[in-house]
PDB file of all heavy atoms in Angstrom:
ATOM      1  N   GLU A   1      -4.909  -8.057  -0.225  1.00  0.00           N
ATOM      2  CA  GLU A   1      -4.834  -9.438  -0.699  1.00  0.00           C
ATOM      3  C   GLU A   1      -4.513 -10.317   0.499  1.00  0.00           C
ATOM      4  O   GLU A   1      -3.418 -10.240   1.056  1.00  0.00           O
ATOM      5  CB  GLU A   1      -3.739  -9.608  -1.755  1.00  0.00           C
ATOM      6  CG  GLU A   1      -4.097  -9.082  -3.118  1.00  0.00           C
ATOM      7  CD  GLU A   1      -3.020  -9.391  -4.156  1.00  0.00           C
ATOM      8  OE1 GLU A   1      -1.948  -9.906  -3.770  1.00  0.00           O
ATOM      9  OE2 GLU A   1      -3.249  -9.131  -5.336  1.00  0.00           O
ATOM     10  N   SER A   2      -5.457 -11.174   0.882  1.00  0.00           N
ATOM     11  CA  SER A   2      -5.239 -12.060   2.029  1.00  0.00           C
ATOM     12  C   SER A   2      -4.753 -13.412   1.523  1.00  0.00           C
ATOM     13  O   SER A   2      -5.405 -14.049   0.695  1.00  0.00           O
ATOM     14  CB  SER A   2      -6.538 -12.226   2.818  1.00  0.00           C
ATOM     15  OG  SER A   2      -6.315 -13.041   3.939  1.00  0.00           O
ATOM     16  N   LEU A   3      -3.589 -13.847   2.026  1.00  0.00           N
ATOM     17  CA  LEU A   3      -3.000 -15.117   1.602  1.00  0.00           C
ATOM     18  C   LEU A   3      -2.929 -16.120   2.753  1.00  0.00           C
ATOM     19  O   LEU A   3      -2.147 -17.060   2.702  1.00  0.00           O
ATOM     20  CB  LEU A   3      -1.592 -14.872   1.044  1.00  0.00           C
ATOM     21  CG  LEU A   3      -1.497 -13.886  -0.116  1.00  0.00           C
ATOM     22  CD1 LEU A   3      -0.040 -13.649  -0.496  1.00  0.00           C
ATOM     23  CD2 LEU A   3      -2.277 -14.386  -1.320  1.00  0.00           C
ATOM     24  N   GLY A   4      -3.752 -15.926   3.753  1.00  0.00           N
ATOM     25  CA  GLY A   4      -3.719 -16.829   4.907  1.00  0.00           C
ATOM     26  C   GLY A   4      -2.887 -16.225   6.012  1.00  0.00           C
ATOM     27  O   GLY A   4      -3.329 -15.319   6.719  1.00  0.00           O
ATOM     28  N   ALA A   5      -1.674 -16.727   6.179  1.00  0.00           N
ATOM     29  CA  ALA A   5      -0.813 -16.214   7.244  1.00  0.00           C
ATOM     30  C   ALA A   5      -0.381 -14.779   6.981  1.00  0.00           C
ATOM     31  O   ALA A   5      -0.192 -13.987   7.901  1.00  0.00           O
ATOM     32  CB  ALA A   5       0.422 -17.107   7.399  1.00  0.00           C
ATOM     33  N   ASP A   6      -0.215 -14.426   5.692  1.00  0.00           N
ATOM     34  CA  ASP A   6       0.199 -13.069   5.325  1.00  0.00           C
ATOM     35  C   ASP A   6      -0.908 -12.374   4.547  1.00  0.00           C
ATOM     36  O   ASP A   6      -1.797 -13.011   3.983  1.00  0.00           O
ATOM     37  CB  ASP A   6       1.460 -13.112   4.441  1.00  0.00           C
ATOM     38  CG  ASP A   6       2.677 -13.599   5.201  1.00  0.00           C
ATOM     39  OD1 ASP A   6       2.798 -13.274   6.392  1.00  0.00           O
ATOM     40  OD2 ASP A   6       3.501 -14.311   4.597  1.00  0.00           O
ATOM     41  N   ALA A   7      -0.808 -11.054   4.524  1.00  0.00           N
ATOM     42  CA  ALA A   7      -1.678 -10.244   3.668  1.00  0.00           C
ATOM     43  C   ALA A   7      -0.833  -9.140   3.060  1.00  0.00           C
ATOM     44  O   ALA A   7       0.130  -8.666   3.679  1.00  0.00           O
ATOM     45  CB  ALA A   7      -2.843  -9.650   4.446  1.00  0.00           C
ATOM     46  N   TYR A   8      -1.177  -8.766   1.833  1.00  0.00           N
ATOM     47  CA  TYR A   8      -0.505  -7.637   1.187  1.00  0.00           C
ATOM     48  C   TYR A   8      -1.484  -6.479   1.109  1.00  0.00           C
ATOM     49  O   TYR A   8      -2.584  -6.619   0.572  1.00  0.00           O
ATOM     50  CB  TYR A   8       0.010  -8.010  -0.202  1.00  0.00           C
ATOM     51  CG  TYR A   8       1.227  -8.898  -0.147  1.00  0.00           C
ATOM     52  CD1 TYR A   8       1.131 -10.263  -0.348  1.00  0.00           C
ATOM     53  CD2 TYR A   8       2.479  -8.349   0.131  1.00  0.00           C
ATOM     54  CE1 TYR A   8       2.252 -11.079  -0.281  1.00  0.00           C
ATOM     55  CE2 TYR A   8       3.614  -9.163   0.212  1.00  0.00           C
ATOM     56  CZ  TYR A   8       3.483 -10.522  -0.006  1.00  0.00           C
ATOM     57  OH  TYR A   8       4.601 -11.320   0.071  1.00  0.00           O
ATOM     58  N   VAL A   9      -1.081  -5.355   1.670  1.00  0.00           N
ATOM     59  CA  VAL A   9      -1.887  -4.144   1.667  1.00  0.00           C
ATOM     60  C   VAL A   9      -1.396  -3.248   0.530  1.00  0.00           C
ATOM     61  O   VAL A   9      -0.228  -2.837   0.512  1.00  0.00           O
ATOM     62  CB  VAL A   9      -1.776  -3.398   3.009  1.00  0.00           C
ATOM     63  CG1 VAL A   9      -2.550  -2.092   2.965  1.00  0.00           C
ATOM     64  CG2 VAL A   9      -2.256  -4.286   4.154  1.00  0.00           C
ATOM     65  N   TYR A  10      -2.274  -2.989  -0.434  1.00  0.00           N
ATOM     66  CA  TYR A  10      -1.958  -2.095  -1.546  1.00  0.00           C
ATOM     67  C   TYR A  10      -2.638  -0.752  -1.258  1.00  0.00           C
ATOM     68  O   TYR A  10      -3.859  -0.692  -1.104  1.00  0.00           O
ATOM     69  CB  TYR A  10      -2.483  -2.654  -2.869  1.00  0.00           C
ATOM     70  CG  TYR A  10      -1.781  -3.908  -3.337  1.00  0.00           C
ATOM     71  CD1 TYR A  10      -2.056  -5.145  -2.757  1.00  0.00           C
ATOM     72  CD2 TYR A  10      -0.839  -3.857  -4.360  1.00  0.00           C
ATOM     73  CE1 TYR A  10      -1.416  -6.305  -3.168  1.00  0.00           C
ATOM     74  CE2 TYR A  10      -0.199  -5.010  -4.792  1.00  0.00           C
ATOM     75  CZ  TYR A  10      -0.479  -6.235  -4.192  1.00  0.00           C
ATOM     76  OH  TYR A  10       0.155  -7.376  -4.605  1.00  0.00           O
ATOM     77  N   GLY A  11      -1.852   0.290  -1.162  1.00  0.00           N
ATOM     78  CA  GLY A  11      -2.408   1.601  -0.857  1.00  0.00           C
ATOM     79  C   GLY A  11      -1.643   2.700  -1.548  1.00  0.00           C
ATOM     80  O   GLY A  11      -0.813   2.444  -2.431  1.00  0.00           O
ATOM     81  N   HIS A  12      -1.919   3.938  -1.164  1.00  0.00           N
ATOM     82  CA  HIS A  12      -1.197   5.063  -1.741  1.00  0.00           C
ATOM     83  C   HIS A  12      -0.990   6.126  -0.673  1.00  0.00           C
ATOM     84  O   HIS A  12      -1.773   6.265   0.253  1.00  0.00           O
ATOM     85  CB  HIS A  12      -1.947   5.654  -2.949  1.00  0.00           C
ATOM     86  CG  HIS A  12      -3.270   6.263  -2.599  1.00  0.00           C
ATOM     87  ND1 HIS A  12      -4.438   5.533  -2.544  1.00  0.00           N
ATOM     88  CD2 HIS A  12      -3.616   7.550  -2.277  1.00  0.00           C
ATOM     89  CE1 HIS A  12      -5.444   6.319  -2.223  1.00  0.00           C
ATOM     90  NE2 HIS A  12      -4.978   7.549  -2.038  1.00  0.00           N
ATOM     91  N   VAL A  13       0.110   6.846  -0.838  1.00  0.00           N
ATOM     92  CA  VAL A  13       0.421   7.962   0.038  1.00  0.00           C
ATOM     93  C   VAL A  13       0.383   9.235  -0.804  1.00  0.00           C
ATOM     94  O   VAL A  13       0.900   9.264  -1.929  1.00  0.00           O
ATOM     95  CB  VAL A  13       1.791   7.777   0.736  1.00  0.00           C
ATOM     96  CG1 VAL A  13       2.918   7.606  -0.260  1.00  0.00           C
ATOM     97  CG2 VAL A  13       2.081   8.937   1.677  1.00  0.00           C
ATOM     98  N   ASP A  14      -0.277  10.258  -0.317  1.00  0.00           N
ATOM     99  CA  ASP A  14      -0.391  11.530  -1.037  1.00  0.00           C
ATOM    100  C   ASP A  14       0.760  12.437  -0.650  1.00  0.00           C
ATOM    101  O   ASP A  14       0.954  12.733   0.532  1.00  0.00           O
ATOM    102  CB  ASP A  14      -1.725  12.206  -0.721  1.00  0.00           C
ATOM    103  CG  ASP A  14      -2.908  11.402  -1.245  1.00  0.00           C
ATOM    104  OD1 ASP A  14      -2.844  10.991  -2.429  1.00  0.00           O
ATOM    105  OD2 ASP A  14      -3.867  11.184  -0.499  1.00  0.00           O
ATOM    106  N   ALA A  15       1.512  12.886  -1.644  1.00  0.00           N
ATOM    107  CA  ALA A  15       2.670  13.737  -1.394  1.00  0.00           C
ATOM    108  C   ALA A  15       2.261  15.205  -1.370  1.00  0.00           C
ATOM    109  O   ALA A  15       1.170  15.585  -1.795  1.00  0.00           O
ATOM    110  CB  ALA A  15       3.731  13.487  -2.463  1.00  0.00           C
ATOM    111  N   THR A  16       3.196  16.044  -0.898  1.00  0.00           N
ATOM    112  CA  THR A  16       2.911  17.479  -0.792  1.00  0.00           C
ATOM    113  C   THR A  16       2.742  18.138  -2.163  1.00  0.00           C
ATOM    114  O   THR A  16       2.088  19.164  -2.284  1.00  0.00           O
ATOM    115  CB  THR A  16       4.056  18.189  -0.043  1.00  0.00           C
ATOM    116  OG1 THR A  16       5.304  17.803  -0.634  1.00  0.00           O
ATOM    117  CG2 THR A  16       4.074  17.798   1.422  1.00  0.00           C
ATOM    118  N   ASP A  17       3.355  17.530  -3.209  1.00  0.00           N
ATOM    119  CA  ASP A  17       3.227  18.131  -4.541  1.00  0.00           C
ATOM    120  C   ASP A  17       1.937  17.720  -5.240  1.00  0.00           C
ATOM    121  O   ASP A  17       1.712  18.042  -6.414  1.00  0.00           O
ATOM    122  CB  ASP A  17       4.431  17.753  -5.411  1.00  0.00           C
ATOM    123  CG  ASP A  17       4.538  16.243  -5.641  1.00  0.00           C
ATOM    124  OD1 ASP A  17       3.649  15.501  -5.171  1.00  0.00           O
ATOM    125  OD2 ASP A  17       5.510  15.817  -6.287  1.00  0.00           O
ATOM    126  N   GLY A  18       1.067  17.011  -4.537  1.00  0.00           N
ATOM    127  CA  GLY A  18      -0.211  16.595  -5.104  1.00  0.00           C
ATOM    128  C   GLY A  18      -0.180  15.249  -5.792  1.00  0.00           C
ATOM    129  O   GLY A  18      -1.227  14.734  -6.199  1.00  0.00           O
ATOM    130  N   SER A  19       0.988  14.647  -5.935  1.00  0.00           N
ATOM    131  CA  SER A  19       1.088  13.338  -6.573  1.00  0.00           C
ATOM    132  C   SER A  19       0.702  12.235  -5.594  1.00  0.00           C
ATOM    133  O   SER A  19       0.678  12.437  -4.374  1.00  0.00           O
ATOM    134  CB  SER A  19       2.507  13.099  -7.098  1.00  0.00           C
ATOM    135  OG  SER A  19       3.423  13.038  -6.006  1.00  0.00           O
ATOM    136  N   SER A  20       0.396  11.062  -6.147  1.00  0.00           N
ATOM    137  CA  SER A  20       0.032   9.907  -5.329  1.00  0.00           C
ATOM    138  C   SER A  20       1.029   8.792  -5.591  1.00  0.00           C
ATOM    139  O   SER A  20       1.301   8.458  -6.746  1.00  0.00           O
ATOM    140  CB  SER A  20      -1.386   9.445  -5.682  1.00  0.00           C
ATOM    141  OG  SER A  20      -1.734   8.318  -4.937  1.00  0.00           O
ATOM    142  N   LYS A  21       1.608   8.239  -4.547  1.00  0.00           N
ATOM    143  CA  LYS A  21       2.628   7.209  -4.695  1.00  0.00           C
ATOM    144  C   LYS A  21       2.095   5.887  -4.139  1.00  0.00           C
ATOM    145  O   LYS A  21       1.629   5.829  -3.006  1.00  0.00           O
ATOM    146  CB  LYS A  21       3.907   7.623  -3.955  1.00  0.00           C
ATOM    147  CG  LYS A  21       4.469   8.970  -4.440  1.00  0.00           C
ATOM    148  CD  LYS A  21       5.715   9.372  -3.670  1.00  0.00           C
ATOM    149  CE  LYS A  21       6.170  10.776  -4.040  1.00  0.00           C
ATOM    150  NZ  LYS A  21       6.551  10.923  -5.446  1.00  0.00           N
ATOM    151  N   ASP A  22       2.147   4.846  -4.978  1.00  0.00           N
ATOM    152  CA  ASP A  22       1.635   3.536  -4.575  1.00  0.00           C
ATOM    153  C   ASP A  22       2.574   2.855  -3.588  1.00  0.00           C
ATOM    154  O   ASP A  22       3.800   2.960  -3.700  1.00  0.00           O
ATOM    155  CB  ASP A  22       1.452   2.638  -5.808  1.00  0.00           C
ATOM    156  CG  ASP A  22       0.344   3.136  -6.725  1.00  0.00           C
ATOM    157  OD1 ASP A  22      -0.576   3.795  -6.216  1.00  0.00           O
ATOM    158  OD2 ASP A  22       0.422   2.879  -7.937  1.00  0.00           O
ATOM    159  N   ILE A  23       1.979   2.135  -2.642  1.00  0.00           N
ATOM    160  CA  ILE A  23       2.732   1.459  -1.589  1.00  0.00           C
ATOM    161  C   ILE A  23       2.161   0.050  -1.407  1.00  0.00           C
ATOM    162  O   ILE A  23       0.942  -0.140  -1.416  1.00  0.00           O
ATOM    163  CB  ILE A  23       2.616   2.209  -0.239  1.00  0.00           C
ATOM    164  CG1 ILE A  23       3.272   3.592  -0.315  1.00  0.00           C
ATOM    165  CG2 ILE A  23       3.231   1.401   0.893  1.00  0.00           C
ATOM    166  CD1 ILE A  23       4.772   3.576  -0.229  1.00  0.00           C
ATOM    167  N   ILE A  24       3.064  -0.938  -1.251  1.00  0.00           N
ATOM    168  CA  ILE A  24       2.655  -2.314  -0.918  1.00  0.00           C
ATOM    169  C   ILE A  24       3.337  -2.686   0.395  1.00  0.00           C
ATOM    170  O   ILE A  24       4.550  -2.526   0.541  1.00  0.00           O
ATOM    171  CB  ILE A  24       3.068  -3.321  -2.008  1.00  0.00           C
ATOM    172  CG1 ILE A  24       2.563  -2.882  -3.382  1.00  0.00           C
ATOM    173  CG2 ILE A  24       2.537  -4.712  -1.672  1.00  0.00           C
ATOM    174  CD1 ILE A  24       3.130  -3.717  -4.525  1.00  0.00           C
ATOM    175  N   VAL A  25       2.542  -3.197   1.347  1.00  0.00           N
ATOM    176  CA  VAL A  25       3.066  -3.580   2.657  1.00  0.00           C
ATOM    177  C   VAL A  25       2.635  -5.007   2.959  1.00  0.00           C
ATOM    178  O   VAL A  25       1.468  -5.359   2.772  1.00  0.00           O
ATOM    179  CB  VAL A  25       2.531  -2.653   3.779  1.00  0.00           C
ATOM    180  CG1 VAL A  25       3.192  -2.995   5.110  1.00  0.00           C
ATOM    181  CG2 VAL A  25       2.742  -1.195   3.426  1.00  0.00           C
ATOM    182  N   ARG A  26       3.566  -5.828   3.409  1.00  0.00           N
ATOM    183  CA  ARG A  26       3.202  -7.170   3.887  1.00  0.00           C
ATOM    184  C   ARG A  26       2.892  -7.092   5.368  1.00  0.00           C
ATOM    185  O   ARG A  26       3.657  -6.496   6.141  1.00  0.00           O
ATOM    186  CB  ARG A  26       4.331  -8.174   3.647  1.00  0.00           C
ATOM    187  CG  ARG A  26       3.893  -9.631   3.890  1.00  0.00           C
ATOM    188  CD  ARG A  26       4.996 -10.609   3.593  1.00  0.00           C
ATOM    189  NE  ARG A  26       6.003 -10.630   4.649  1.00  0.00           N
ATOM    190  CZ  ARG A  26       7.110 -11.376   4.611  1.00  0.00           C
ATOM    191  NH1 ARG A  26       7.363 -12.116   3.557  1.00  0.00           N
ATOM    192  NH2 ARG A  26       7.977 -11.346   5.609  1.00  0.00           N
ATOM    193  N   THR A  27       1.781  -7.696   5.774  1.00  0.00           N
ATOM    194  CA  THR A  27       1.376  -7.635   7.179  1.00  0.00           C
ATOM    195  C   THR A  27       0.743  -8.943   7.606  1.00  0.00           C
ATOM    196  O   THR A  27       0.626  -9.891   6.808  1.00  0.00           O
ATOM    197  CB  THR A  27       0.409  -6.448   7.397  1.00  0.00           C
ATOM    198  OG1 THR A  27       0.178  -6.284   8.787  1.00  0.00           O
ATOM    199  CG2 THR A  27      -0.913  -6.685   6.674  1.00  0.00           C
TER     200      THR A  27
END
């Protein structure tokens, strides 16, 4: 999501147990 000066990155990290965990990062 691009908001001009900032952007929010929505992603996921795959854990060792096979689950997927959502992550939001401001950049």
